[in-house]
Amino acid sequence: MGRIVIVAYKPKPGKAEALKTLTKTHVPRLKAEGLVTDREAIIMKAADGTIVEVFEWLSAEAIKQAHSNPVVHQLWAEYAEVCDYVNLNSLAEAANMFAEFNAM
């Protein structure tokens, strides 16, 4: 059974465009490794520039497999260069009943 996740990436200074570009390749690269479903990712931006992504792993087992996949490790290293992961509740939008973000 699929596992839908929501992740927030706060760009490092001067790295917003690089993060945007990287995030657009994220799910296709995971798909090539057989780790995510065909469901299209939703990518959006918070008022503070944080990028929020919603996507679906194939299963809990696929998430576990990602942790030992060298391609995924490379992808995570690329993210580490351009952003920090932040909790959703750190975003101002998360305080609203209906959290709204800018479409990307």
N, C-alpha and C. Protein backbone atom coordinates (compact mmCIF):
# COMPACT_ATOMS: atom_id res chain seq x y z
N MET A 1 0.84 -1.19 0.00
CA MET A 1 0.00 0.00 0.00
C MET A 1 0.88 1.24 0.00
N GLY A 2 0.53 2.24 -0.82
CA GLY A 2 1.30 3.48 -0.93
C GLY A 2 1.34 4.27 0.36
N ARG A 3 2.38 5.09 0.50
CA ARG A 3 2.57 5.95 1.66
C ARG A 3 2.76 7.38 1.13
N ILE A 4 1.77 8.23 1.35
CA ILE A 4 1.86 9.61 0.90
C ILE A 4 2.58 10.42 1.96
N VAL A 5 3.57 11.19 1.52
CA VAL A 5 4.35 12.01 2.44
C VAL A 5 4.32 13.47 2.00
N ILE A 6 4.52 14.34 2.96
CA ILE A 6 4.63 15.77 2.73
C ILE A 6 5.97 16.19 3.32
N VAL A 7 6.78 16.85 2.52
CA VAL A 7 8.11 17.26 2.99
C VAL A 7 8.30 18.73 2.65
N ALA A 8 9.01 19.44 3.54
CA ALA A 8 9.28 20.86 3.34
C ALA A 8 10.79 21.09 3.27
N TYR A 9 11.21 21.78 2.21
CA TYR A 9 12.63 22.07 1.97
C TYR A 9 12.84 23.58 2.03
N LYS A 10 13.61 24.05 2.98
CA LYS A 10 13.91 25.48 3.08
C LYS A 10 15.22 25.74 2.35
N PRO A 11 15.19 26.55 1.29
CA PRO A 11 16.41 26.75 0.52
C PRO A 11 17.50 27.46 1.32
N LYS A 12 18.74 27.05 1.10
CA LYS A 12 19.88 27.75 1.67
C LYS A 12 20.04 29.06 0.90
N PRO A 13 20.69 30.05 1.51
CA PRO A 13 20.84 31.35 0.83
C PRO A 13 21.41 31.19 -0.58
N GLY A 14 20.73 31.82 -1.53
CA GLY A 14 21.17 31.79 -2.92
C GLY A 14 20.90 30.49 -3.65
N LYS A 15 20.19 29.56 -3.03
CA LYS A 15 19.98 28.23 -3.63
C LYS A 15 18.53 27.96 -4.02
N ALA A 16 17.68 28.97 -4.01
CA ALA A 16 16.25 28.75 -4.28
C ALA A 16 16.00 28.16 -5.67
N GLU A 17 16.65 28.68 -6.68
CA GLU A 17 16.43 28.16 -8.04
C GLU A 17 16.97 26.75 -8.18
N ALA A 18 18.13 26.49 -7.60
CA ALA A 18 18.70 25.14 -7.65
C ALA A 18 17.78 24.14 -6.95
N LEU A 19 17.19 24.56 -5.84
CA LEU A 19 16.26 23.69 -5.11
C LEU A 19 15.02 23.43 -5.95
N LYS A 20 14.50 24.45 -6.58
CA LYS A 20 13.31 24.29 -7.43
C LYS A 20 13.59 23.29 -8.55
N THR A 21 14.72 23.44 -9.20
CA THR A 21 15.10 22.53 -10.29
C THR A 21 15.27 21.11 -9.78
N LEU A 22 15.96 20.95 -8.67
CA LEU A 22 16.18 19.63 -8.09
C LEU A 22 14.87 18.96 -7.72
N THR A 23 13.97 19.70 -7.11
CA THR A 23 12.70 19.11 -6.67
C THR A 23 11.88 18.60 -7.85
N LYS A 24 11.99 19.25 -8.97
CA LYS A 24 11.26 18.78 -10.17
C LYS A 24 11.81 17.45 -10.67
N THR A 25 13.04 17.10 -10.32
CA THR A 25 13.62 15.82 -10.74
C THR A 25 13.46 14.73 -9.67
N HIS A 26 13.05 15.11 -8.48
CA HIS A 26 13.01 14.20 -7.34
C HIS A 26 12.20 12.94 -7.60
N VAL A 27 10.91 13.11 -7.84
CA VAL A 27 10.04 11.94 -8.02
C VAL A 27 10.40 11.14 -9.27
N PRO A 28 10.71 11.77 -10.42
CA PRO A 28 11.13 10.96 -11.56
C PRO A 28 12.36 10.09 -11.25
N ARG A 29 13.29 10.60 -10.47
CA ARG A 29 14.47 9.81 -10.11
C ARG A 29 14.11 8.67 -9.17
N LEU A 30 13.21 8.93 -8.24
CA LEU A 30 12.74 7.85 -7.35
C LEU A 30 11.95 6.82 -8.15
N LYS A 31 11.18 7.28 -9.13
CA LYS A 31 10.40 6.39 -9.98
C LYS A 31 11.32 5.46 -10.77
N ALA A 32 12.43 6.00 -11.26
CA ALA A 32 13.38 5.19 -12.02
C ALA A 32 13.98 4.07 -11.16
N GLU A 33 13.98 4.28 -9.86
CA GLU A 33 14.48 3.26 -8.92
C GLU A 33 13.38 2.32 -8.45
N GLY A 34 12.15 2.53 -8.92
CA GLY A 34 11.03 1.67 -8.55
C GLY A 34 10.54 1.88 -7.14
N LEU A 35 10.68 3.11 -6.63
CA LEU A 35 10.36 3.38 -5.22
C LEU A 35 9.08 4.17 -4.99
N VAL A 36 8.55 4.80 -6.04
CA VAL A 36 7.34 5.60 -5.88
C VAL A 36 6.28 5.16 -6.89
N THR A 37 5.06 5.59 -6.63
CA THR A 37 3.94 5.24 -7.51
C THR A 37 3.92 6.18 -8.71
N ASP A 38 2.95 5.97 -9.59
CA ASP A 38 2.76 6.83 -10.75
C ASP A 38 2.06 8.14 -10.40
N ARG A 39 1.62 8.28 -9.16
CA ARG A 39 0.93 9.51 -8.75
C ARG A 39 1.87 10.70 -8.94
N GLU A 40 1.38 11.74 -9.60
CA GLU A 40 2.20 12.93 -9.84
C GLU A 40 2.43 13.69 -8.54
N ALA A 41 3.64 14.15 -8.34
CA ALA A 41 3.96 14.94 -7.15
C ALA A 41 3.29 16.31 -7.25
N ILE A 42 2.98 16.86 -6.10
CA ILE A 42 2.49 18.24 -6.02
C ILE A 42 3.62 19.04 -5.38
N ILE A 43 4.04 20.09 -6.06
CA ILE A 43 5.12 20.93 -5.58
C ILE A 43 4.58 22.35 -5.43
N MET A 44 4.80 22.95 -4.26
CA MET A 44 4.28 24.28 -4.00
C MET A 44 5.27 25.07 -3.17
N LYS A 45 5.02 26.38 -3.02
CA LYS A 45 5.95 27.22 -2.30
C LYS A 45 5.24 28.00 -1.21
N ALA A 46 5.85 28.02 -0.02
CA ALA A 46 5.33 28.80 1.11
C ALA A 46 5.76 30.26 0.94
N ALA A 47 5.13 31.14 1.69
CA ALA A 47 5.44 32.57 1.61
C ALA A 47 6.91 32.86 1.90
N ASP A 48 7.54 32.07 2.75
CA ASP A 48 8.94 32.30 3.10
C ASP A 48 9.93 31.67 2.12
N GLY A 49 9.41 31.09 1.02
CA GLY A 49 10.27 30.48 0.01
C GLY A 49 10.49 28.99 0.17
N THR A 50 10.02 28.43 1.29
CA THR A 50 10.15 26.98 1.51
C THR A 50 9.34 26.24 0.45
N ILE A 51 9.92 25.22 -0.12
CA ILE A 51 9.21 24.38 -1.09
C ILE A 51 8.61 23.20 -0.35
N VAL A 52 7.35 22.93 -0.63
CA VAL A 52 6.63 21.81 -0.03
C VAL A 52 6.29 20.83 -1.15
N GLU A 53 6.57 19.56 -0.90
CA GLU A 53 6.31 18.53 -1.90
C GLU A 53 5.46 17.43 -1.28
N VAL A 54 4.49 16.98 -2.05
CA VAL A 54 3.65 15.85 -1.66
C VAL A 54 3.85 14.77 -2.71
N PHE A 55 4.23 13.57 -2.26
CA PHE A 55 4.41 12.47 -3.21
C PHE A 55 4.11 11.15 -2.53
N GLU A 56 4.06 10.08 -3.33
CA GLU A 56 3.66 8.77 -2.80
C GLU A 56 4.74 7.72 -3.02
N TRP A 57 5.27 7.23 -1.91
CA TRP A 57 6.16 6.06 -1.96
C TRP A 57 5.31 4.85 -2.31
N LEU A 58 5.91 3.84 -2.92
CA LEU A 58 5.20 2.61 -3.25
C LEU A 58 4.67 1.90 -2.00
N SER A 59 5.48 1.93 -0.93
CA SER A 59 5.12 1.20 0.29
C SER A 59 6.08 1.61 1.40
N ALA A 60 5.79 1.15 2.59
CA ALA A 60 6.72 1.36 3.71
C ALA A 60 8.04 0.65 3.40
N GLU A 61 7.97 -0.48 2.73
CA GLU A 61 9.18 -1.21 2.36
C GLU A 61 10.03 -0.41 1.37
N ALA A 62 9.39 0.30 0.45
CA ALA A 62 10.13 1.13 -0.51
C ALA A 62 10.88 2.25 0.22
N ILE A 63 10.26 2.81 1.24
CA ILE A 63 10.93 3.85 2.04
C ILE A 63 12.18 3.24 2.70
N LYS A 64 12.02 2.06 3.23
CA LYS A 64 13.14 1.38 3.87
C LYS A 64 14.25 1.10 2.85
N GLN A 65 13.87 0.66 1.66
CA GLN A 65 14.85 0.36 0.61
C GLN A 65 15.62 1.61 0.18
N ALA A 66 14.95 2.75 0.22
CA ALA A 66 15.60 4.01 -0.18
C ALA A 66 16.84 4.29 0.67
N HIS A 67 16.79 3.89 1.92
CA HIS A 67 17.89 4.17 2.84
C HIS A 67 19.16 3.39 2.51
N SER A 68 19.07 2.40 1.65
CA SER A 68 20.26 1.65 1.25
C SER A 68 20.52 1.74 -0.26
N ASN A 69 19.84 2.65 -0.93
CA ASN A 69 19.96 2.80 -2.37
C ASN A 69 20.96 3.91 -2.69
N PRO A 70 22.05 3.60 -3.40
CA PRO A 70 23.07 4.61 -3.69
C PRO A 70 22.57 5.77 -4.54
N VAL A 71 21.63 5.53 -5.43
CA VAL A 71 21.07 6.61 -6.24
C VAL A 71 20.31 7.59 -5.35
N VAL A 72 19.57 7.05 -4.41
CA VAL A 72 18.82 7.90 -3.47
C VAL A 72 19.78 8.65 -2.56
N HIS A 73 20.83 8.01 -2.13
CA HIS A 73 21.82 8.69 -1.29
C HIS A 73 22.43 9.88 -2.04
N GLN A 74 22.69 9.72 -3.34
CA GLN A 74 23.20 10.82 -4.15
C GLN A 74 22.18 11.95 -4.22
N LEU A 75 20.93 11.59 -4.41
CA LEU A 75 19.86 12.58 -4.46
C LEU A 75 19.78 13.35 -3.15
N TRP A 76 19.85 12.64 -2.04
CA TRP A 76 19.79 13.30 -0.73
C TRP A 76 21.01 14.20 -0.52
N ALA A 77 22.16 13.82 -1.04
CA ALA A 77 23.35 14.67 -0.94
C ALA A 77 23.14 15.97 -1.73
N GLU A 78 22.50 15.86 -2.87
CA GLU A 78 22.20 17.04 -3.67
C GLU A 78 21.26 17.97 -2.92
N TYR A 79 20.26 17.40 -2.25
CA TYR A 79 19.36 18.22 -1.43
C TYR A 79 20.12 18.89 -0.30
N ALA A 80 21.03 18.18 0.33
CA ALA A 80 21.79 18.73 1.46
C ALA A 80 22.58 19.97 1.05
N GLU A 81 22.97 20.05 -0.22
CA GLU A 81 23.74 21.20 -0.70
C GLU A 81 22.87 22.43 -0.90
N VAL A 82 21.58 22.25 -1.12
CA VAL A 82 20.73 23.40 -1.47
C VAL A 82 19.64 23.74 -0.47
N CYS A 83 19.42 22.87 0.53
CA CYS A 83 18.32 23.15 1.45
C CYS A 83 18.51 22.48 2.81
N ASP A 84 17.64 22.87 3.72
CA ASP A 84 17.48 22.20 5.00
C ASP A 84 16.05 21.69 5.05
N TYR A 85 15.85 20.52 5.61
CA TYR A 85 14.50 20.01 5.80
C TYR A 85 13.92 20.70 7.04
N VAL A 86 12.65 21.11 6.94
CA VAL A 86 12.00 21.76 8.07
C VAL A 86 10.66 21.09 8.34
N ASN A 87 10.20 21.20 9.58
CA ASN A 87 8.90 20.65 9.93
C ASN A 87 7.79 21.50 9.32
N LEU A 88 6.73 20.85 8.90
CA LEU A 88 5.60 21.57 8.32
C LEU A 88 5.05 22.61 9.29
N ASN A 89 5.05 22.28 10.58
CA ASN A 89 4.47 23.22 11.54
C ASN A 89 5.32 24.46 11.74
N SER A 90 6.50 24.53 11.11
CA SER A 90 7.31 25.74 11.18
C SER A 90 6.87 26.76 10.13
N LEU A 91 6.02 26.34 9.21
CA LEU A 91 5.52 27.23 8.16
C LEU A 91 4.29 27.98 8.64
N ALA A 92 4.24 29.28 8.39
CA ALA A 92 3.10 30.09 8.82
C ALA A 92 1.79 29.52 8.29
N GLU A 93 1.81 29.00 7.09
CA GLU A 93 0.59 28.46 6.47
C GLU A 93 0.00 27.31 7.26
N ALA A 94 0.84 26.57 7.97
CA ALA A 94 0.37 25.39 8.71
C ALA A 94 -0.54 25.77 9.88
N ALA A 95 -0.53 27.03 10.27
CA ALA A 95 -1.39 27.48 11.38
C ALA A 95 -2.82 27.70 10.93
N ASN A 96 -3.05 27.70 9.64
CA ASN A 96 -4.39 27.94 9.10
C ASN A 96 -5.16 26.63 8.94
N MET A 97 -6.47 26.69 9.12
CA MET A 97 -7.32 25.52 8.93
C MET A 97 -7.12 24.95 7.53
N PHE A 98 -7.04 25.83 6.54
CA PHE A 98 -6.80 25.44 5.16
C PHE A 98 -5.47 26.07 4.75
N ALA A 99 -4.41 25.32 4.87
CA ALA A 99 -3.09 25.83 4.54
C ALA A 99 -3.00 26.04 3.03
N GLU A 100 -2.71 27.26 2.63
CA GLU A 100 -2.60 27.60 1.21
C GLU A 100 -1.15 27.90 0.87
N PHE A 101 -0.74 27.41 -0.31
CA PHE A 101 0.60 27.63 -0.79
C PHE A 101 0.53 28.09 -2.24
N ASN A 102 1.59 28.70 -2.72
CA ASN A 102 1.66 29.11 -4.13
C ASN A 102 1.98 27.90 -4.98
N ALA A 103 1.27 27.77 -6.09
CA ALA A 103 1.55 26.69 -7.04
C ALA A 103 2.88 26.95 -7.71
N MET A 104 3.55 25.87 -8.09
CA MET A 104 4.83 26.01 -8.81
C MET A 104 4.73 25.33 -10.16
